[in-house]
Amino acid sequence: MRPDPHLKWTVLGMVLAQLLACWLVRGLAWRWLLFWAYAFGGCVNHSLTLAIHDISHNAAFGTGRAARNRWFAVFANLPVGVPYAASFKKYHVDHHRYLGGDGLDVDVPTRLEGWLFCTPARKLLWLVLQPFFYSLRPLCVNPKALTRMEVFNALVQLAADAALFALWGLKPVAYLLASTLLGLGLHPISGHFVAEHYMFLKGHETYSYYGPLNWITFNVGYHMEHHDFPSIPGCNLPLVRKIAPEYYDHLPQHHSWVKVLWDFVFEDSLGPYARVKRVCKLAEERL
């Protein structure tokens, strides 16, 4: 349970890579801009959101330097195009504390989503629109007061977007936004959204994935291990399974995030309703 010494440098490299991509796409035709936004930018931006996930657990600088982690998450947020990091931190704590909690864990789809997106075509549309549901659902399910860090996050993000537009025009900004929307929508990496907590087998609500996409997603596939030990950074989660294989190797696991998406769309038993929802008692906040 110590910080990942490489995380800050990896994030810096990814942010700089997206900045270089912004410069390269400024004169690109729109069709090619969208292609590279999906094929390259989508991978980088989705990976950055998972870096922000690790940073929200203080993996960059440790729990003793929580403020540095919050500020660094705002920096990692820059290529995403929309302010996200501070709000994610605020709600992700509840996901771990109240997993599946009705009205508390905003990772659980609403009843409206379950009722509406119940056919293969509609479930496919739901996957495409995932970025919108993940960003808007907290405001409907469990709205919280705006924090100063969220305001700071928004101001920094707007300033960065405005600077890009002033320097290189509309296309770089459109590239970043398209990278986020396409990379978090119907994209192979987005299989982890469904793989983590949708009930593919009755009685099992959390699953791990040990495949190669972990290499570019900060080992988010080691999800059973992560929920057991949220303070362990992604780089060390494989060691958890190696140290204690008797606790993980026998559990149901996913072998392909693409297959997860396919099964989600075409299996009648799967859909936004296929989540465990429980009544949780709100924990008292203690100083």
Protein backbone atom coordinates (compact mmCIF):
# COMPACT_ATOMS: atom_id res chain seq x y z
CA MET A 1 0.00 0.00 0.00
CA ARG A 2 2.47 2.56 -1.21
CA PRO A 3 2.38 5.11 -4.05
CA ASP A 4 3.17 4.07 -7.60
CA PRO A 5 6.50 5.82 -8.33
CA HIS A 6 5.92 5.66 -12.10
CA LEU A 7 2.32 6.91 -12.22
CA LYS A 8 3.09 10.63 -12.40
CA TRP A 9 5.60 10.14 -15.22
CA THR A 10 3.24 7.88 -17.16
CA VAL A 11 0.46 10.45 -16.87
CA LEU A 12 2.81 13.25 -17.92
CA GLY A 13 3.78 11.28 -21.02
CA MET A 14 0.14 10.63 -21.92
CA VAL A 15 -0.83 14.28 -21.51
CA LEU A 16 2.10 15.35 -23.69
CA ALA A 17 1.19 12.69 -26.28
CA GLN A 18 -2.32 14.12 -26.53
CA LEU A 19 -0.92 17.65 -26.78
CA LEU A 20 1.25 16.50 -29.69
CA ALA A 21 -1.78 14.83 -31.27
CA CYS A 22 -3.69 18.11 -30.97
CA TRP A 23 -0.97 19.82 -32.97
CA LEU A 24 -0.95 17.06 -35.58
CA VAL A 25 -4.74 17.00 -36.17
CA ARG A 26 -5.18 20.76 -36.57
CA GLY A 27 -5.14 20.42 -40.38
CA LEU A 28 -6.57 16.90 -40.64
CA ALA A 29 -9.78 16.07 -42.51
CA TRP A 30 -12.71 15.48 -40.14
CA ARG A 31 -13.10 11.81 -41.06
CA TRP A 32 -9.46 11.11 -40.23
CA LEU A 33 -9.69 13.21 -37.07
CA LEU A 34 -12.55 11.00 -35.85
CA PHE A 35 -10.68 7.85 -36.86
CA TRP A 36 -7.61 8.80 -34.82
CA ALA A 37 -9.81 10.05 -31.98
CA TYR A 38 -11.25 6.52 -31.72
CA ALA A 39 -8.17 4.45 -32.50
CA PHE A 40 -5.56 6.44 -30.56
CA GLY A 41 -7.10 9.28 -28.58
CA GLY A 42 -9.87 7.06 -27.23
CA CYS A 43 -7.31 4.66 -25.78
CA VAL A 44 -5.25 7.45 -24.23
CA ASN A 45 -8.18 9.39 -22.78
CA HIS A 46 -9.85 6.29 -21.39
CA SER A 47 -6.53 5.29 -19.86
CA LEU A 48 -6.22 8.77 -18.34
CA THR A 49 -9.62 8.40 -16.67
CA LEU A 50 -8.32 5.19 -15.10
CA ALA A 51 -5.17 7.01 -14.03
CA ILE A 52 -7.48 9.56 -12.38
CA HIS A 53 -9.18 6.59 -10.69
CA ASP A 54 -5.85 5.49 -9.23
CA ILE A 55 -4.98 9.06 -8.27
CA SER A 56 -8.32 9.34 -6.45
CA HIS A 57 -6.98 6.54 -4.23
CA ASN A 58 -3.84 8.68 -3.62
CA ALA A 59 -1.66 6.37 -5.73
CA ALA A 60 0.46 9.17 -7.21
CA PHE A 61 1.87 10.80 -4.05
CA GLY A 62 0.48 8.77 -1.15
CA THR A 63 -2.18 9.43 1.46
CA GLY A 64 0.09 11.84 3.32
CA ARG A 65 0.00 14.22 0.35
CA ALA A 66 -3.67 14.10 -0.52
CA ALA A 67 -3.76 17.66 -1.90
CA ARG A 68 -1.00 16.88 -4.40
CA ASN A 69 -3.05 13.94 -5.66
CA ARG A 70 -6.13 16.19 -6.11
CA TRP A 71 -4.15 18.80 -8.07
CA PHE A 72 -2.39 16.18 -10.16
CA ALA A 73 -5.74 14.62 -11.04
CA VAL A 74 -6.79 18.01 -12.46
CA PHE A 75 -3.65 17.95 -14.61
CA ALA A 76 -4.39 14.40 -15.78
CA ASN A 77 -7.90 15.60 -16.65
CA LEU A 78 -6.70 18.15 -19.23
CA PRO A 79 -6.85 15.91 -22.37
CA VAL A 80 -10.31 14.64 -21.36
CA GLY A 81 -11.69 18.01 -22.43
CA VAL A 82 -14.39 18.29 -19.74
CA PRO A 83 -13.89 18.68 -15.96
CA TYR A 84 -14.20 15.26 -14.41
CA ALA A 85 -11.51 14.44 -11.86
CA ALA A 86 -12.80 16.31 -8.79
CA SER A 87 -16.37 15.06 -9.20
CA PHE A 88 -15.16 11.51 -9.75
CA LYS A 89 -13.23 11.56 -6.47
CA LYS A 90 -16.31 12.83 -4.61
CA TYR A 91 -18.53 9.99 -5.79
CA HIS A 92 -16.03 7.14 -6.11
CA VAL A 93 -15.58 6.98 -2.35
CA ASP A 94 -19.25 6.02 -2.08
CA HIS A 95 -18.82 3.30 -4.72
CA HIS A 96 -16.34 1.56 -2.43
CA ARG A 97 -18.10 2.29 0.84
CA TYR A 98 -21.62 1.44 -0.38
CA LEU A 99 -21.12 -0.96 -3.30
CA GLY A 100 -24.49 -1.30 -5.01
CA GLY A 101 -26.10 0.99 -2.44
CA ASP A 102 -29.48 2.29 -3.62
CA GLY A 103 -29.18 6.07 -4.03
CA LEU A 104 -25.55 6.05 -2.88
CA ASP A 105 -23.51 4.13 -5.47
CA VAL A 106 -24.02 6.14 -8.67
CA ASP A 107 -22.29 3.40 -10.67
CA VAL A 108 -25.59 1.47 -10.57
CA PRO A 109 -27.94 2.33 -13.48
CA THR A 110 -31.31 3.88 -12.70
CA ARG A 111 -34.62 2.07 -13.05
CA LEU A 112 -35.35 4.18 -16.12
CA GLU A 113 -32.16 2.93 -17.80
CA GLY A 114 -33.05 -0.66 -16.99
CA TRP A 115 -36.59 -0.30 -18.31
CA LEU A 116 -35.67 1.60 -21.47
CA PHE A 117 -32.49 -0.14 -22.62
CA CYS A 118 -33.74 -3.73 -22.64
CA THR A 119 -33.34 -4.89 -26.27
CA PRO A 120 -30.09 -5.58 -28.18
CA ALA A 121 -30.41 -2.37 -30.24
CA ARG A 122 -31.20 -0.26 -27.17
CA LYS A 123 -28.44 -1.84 -25.10
CA LEU A 124 -26.01 -1.07 -27.92
CA LEU A 125 -27.19 2.55 -27.83
CA TRP A 126 -26.74 2.57 -24.05
CA LEU A 127 -23.12 1.48 -24.47
CA VAL A 128 -22.53 4.25 -27.03
CA LEU A 129 -24.01 6.81 -24.62
CA GLN A 130 -22.18 5.58 -21.53
CA PRO A 131 -20.17 8.80 -21.06
CA PHE A 132 -23.39 10.79 -20.75
CA PHE A 133 -25.01 8.36 -18.30
CA TYR A 134 -21.91 8.24 -16.10
CA SER A 135 -21.67 12.03 -15.99
CA LEU A 136 -25.38 12.82 -15.55
CA ARG A 137 -26.50 9.93 -13.33
CA PRO A 138 -24.89 11.32 -10.12
CA LEU A 139 -26.89 14.54 -10.52
CA CYS A 140 -30.11 12.51 -10.57
CA VAL A 141 -29.34 9.71 -8.11
CA ASN A 142 -27.25 11.38 -5.41
CA PRO A 143 -26.67 15.10 -6.01
CA LYS A 144 -24.02 16.65 -3.77
CA ALA A 145 -22.97 20.21 -3.07
CA LEU A 146 -20.42 21.73 -5.43
CA THR A 147 -16.92 21.80 -3.95
CA ARG A 148 -14.14 24.32 -4.42
CA MET A 149 -11.98 21.65 -6.03
CA GLU A 150 -14.69 21.05 -8.63
CA VAL A 151 -14.79 24.78 -9.40
CA PHE A 152 -10.99 24.80 -9.68
CA ASN A 153 -11.11 21.74 -11.94
CA ALA A 154 -13.68 23.42 -14.20
CA LEU A 155 -11.78 26.71 -14.44
CA VAL A 156 -8.48 25.00 -15.28
CA GLN A 157 -10.17 22.79 -17.87
CA LEU A 158 -11.99 25.70 -19.54
CA ALA A 159 -8.76 27.71 -19.63
CA ALA A 160 -6.88 24.82 -21.25
CA ASP A 161 -9.62 24.28 -23.85
CA ALA A 162 -9.73 28.00 -24.62
CA ALA A 163 -5.94 28.11 -25.01
CA LEU A 164 -6.01 25.18 -27.45
CA PHE A 165 -8.76 26.86 -29.46
CA ALA A 166 -6.87 30.18 -29.54
CA LEU A 167 -3.63 28.50 -30.63
CA TRP A 168 -4.75 25.89 -33.13
CA GLY A 169 -8.48 26.33 -33.76
CA LEU A 170 -11.49 24.07 -33.32
CA LYS A 171 -10.14 20.71 -34.48
CA PRO A 172 -7.78 20.00 -31.55
CA VAL A 173 -10.59 20.68 -29.06
CA ALA A 174 -12.97 18.53 -31.11
CA TYR A 175 -10.32 15.77 -31.22
CA LEU A 176 -10.03 15.69 -27.42
CA LEU A 177 -13.79 15.68 -26.87
CA ALA A 178 -14.27 13.00 -29.54
CA SER A 179 -11.49 10.93 -27.94
CA THR A 180 -13.36 11.02 -24.64
CA LEU A 181 -16.83 10.32 -26.02
CA LEU A 182 -15.68 7.55 -28.37
CA GLY A 183 -13.13 6.05 -25.96
CA LEU A 184 -15.62 5.84 -23.10
CA GLY A 185 -18.48 4.69 -25.33
CA LEU A 186 -18.55 1.64 -27.59
CA HIS A 187 -14.84 0.85 -27.33
CA PRO A 188 -12.99 -2.37 -26.40
CA ILE A 189 -11.55 -0.78 -23.27
CA SER A 190 -15.06 0.23 -22.16
CA GLY A 191 -15.82 -3.44 -21.61
CA HIS A 192 -14.45 -2.97 -18.10
CA PHE A 193 -17.48 -0.81 -17.17
CA VAL A 194 -19.72 -3.84 -17.69
CA ALA A 195 -17.22 -6.53 -16.68
CA GLU A 196 -16.60 -5.18 -13.18
CA HIS A 197 -19.97 -5.45 -11.44
CA TYR A 198 -22.69 -6.77 -13.78
CA MET A 199 -24.03 -10.12 -12.63
CA PHE A 200 -23.00 -12.53 -15.36
CA LEU A 201 -23.37 -15.40 -12.87
CA LYS A 202 -25.96 -15.41 -10.12
CA GLY A 203 -24.36 -14.69 -6.75
CA HIS A 204 -21.26 -13.00 -8.19
CA GLU A 205 -21.34 -9.22 -8.53
CA THR A 206 -17.64 -8.39 -8.95
CA TYR A 207 -15.28 -9.95 -11.51
CA SER A 208 -11.64 -9.64 -12.47
CA TYR A 209 -10.07 -9.70 -15.92
CA TYR A 210 -6.39 -10.68 -16.28
CA GLY A 211 -5.90 -10.09 -20.01
CA PRO A 212 -3.50 -7.83 -21.95
CA LEU A 213 -5.67 -4.70 -21.87
CA ASN A 214 -4.57 -4.29 -18.26
CA TRP A 215 -1.27 -3.05 -19.68
CA ILE A 216 -2.89 0.20 -20.83
CA THR A 217 -5.55 0.53 -18.12
CA PHE A 218 -3.49 0.58 -14.92
CA ASN A 219 -4.60 -2.97 -14.10
CA VAL A 220 -8.21 -1.98 -13.55
CA GLY A 221 -9.09 -5.52 -14.61
CA TYR A 222 -7.85 -6.77 -11.23
CA HIS A 223 -11.12 -5.61 -9.81
CA MET A 224 -11.75 -8.16 -7.07
CA GLU A 225 -8.27 -7.38 -5.78
CA HIS A 226 -8.91 -3.64 -6.02
CA HIS A 227 -12.12 -3.78 -3.98
CA ASP A 228 -10.40 -5.93 -1.37
CA PHE A 229 -7.49 -3.48 -1.12
CA PRO A 230 -8.42 -0.04 -2.57
CA SER A 231 -5.22 1.54 -1.21
CA ILE A 232 -2.97 -0.69 -3.31
CA PRO A 233 -2.09 1.03 -6.62
CA GLY A 234 -2.85 -0.70 -9.88
CA CYS A 235 0.80 -1.54 -10.51
CA ASN A 236 0.84 -3.79 -7.42
CA LEU A 237 -2.53 -5.53 -7.83
CA PRO A 238 -1.00 -8.49 -9.74
CA LEU A 239 1.15 -9.10 -6.66
CA VAL A 240 -1.99 -9.46 -4.55
CA ARG A 241 -3.19 -12.32 -6.74
CA LYS A 242 0.31 -13.82 -6.80
CA ILE A 243 0.61 -13.71 -3.00
CA ALA A 244 -2.88 -15.08 -2.35
CA PRO A 245 -3.96 -17.14 -5.40
CA GLU A 246 -6.22 -19.33 -3.24
CA TYR A 247 -8.53 -16.32 -2.77
CA TYR A 248 -8.82 -15.35 -6.46
CA ASP A 249 -7.96 -18.11 -8.92
CA HIS A 250 -11.16 -20.09 -8.28
CA LEU A 251 -13.48 -17.08 -8.71
CA PRO A 252 -15.38 -16.44 -11.98
CA GLN A 253 -13.40 -14.12 -14.23
CA HIS A 254 -13.64 -12.51 -17.64
CA HIS A 255 -11.20 -13.33 -20.42
CA SER A 256 -12.21 -10.69 -22.99
CA TRP A 257 -13.76 -7.24 -22.58
CA VAL A 258 -14.96 -7.40 -26.19
CA LYS A 259 -16.85 -10.62 -25.41
CA VAL A 260 -18.27 -8.94 -22.33
CA LEU A 261 -19.77 -6.22 -24.53
CA TRP A 262 -21.08 -8.78 -27.03
CA ASP A 263 -22.73 -10.86 -24.31
CA PHE A 264 -24.18 -7.75 -22.67
CA VAL A 265 -25.90 -6.75 -25.90
CA PHE A 266 -27.18 -10.16 -27.02
CA GLU A 267 -27.84 -12.10 -23.79
CA ASP A 268 -31.41 -11.60 -22.55
CA SER A 269 -30.33 -12.03 -18.94
CA LEU A 270 -27.95 -9.06 -19.15
CA GLY A 271 -28.65 -5.36 -19.30
CA PRO A 272 -28.64 -2.29 -17.05
CA TYR A 273 -30.89 -4.21 -14.62
CA ALA A 274 -28.25 -6.93 -14.11
CA ARG A 275 -26.77 -5.26 -11.04
CA VAL A 276 -27.05 -5.99 -7.34
CA LYS A 277 -28.82 -3.12 -5.60
CA ARG A 278 -28.95 -3.11 -1.82
CA VAL A 279 -30.18 -0.86 0.95
CA CYS A 280 -27.21 0.62 2.80
CA LYS A 281 -27.21 2.55 6.04
CA LEU A 282 -25.42 5.85 5.58
CA ALA A 283 -22.18 5.79 7.55
CA GLU A 284 -21.58 8.55 10.05
CA GLU A 285 -18.81 10.96 9.13
CA ARG A 286 -16.25 11.05 11.94
CA LEU A 287 -13.47 13.59 12.27
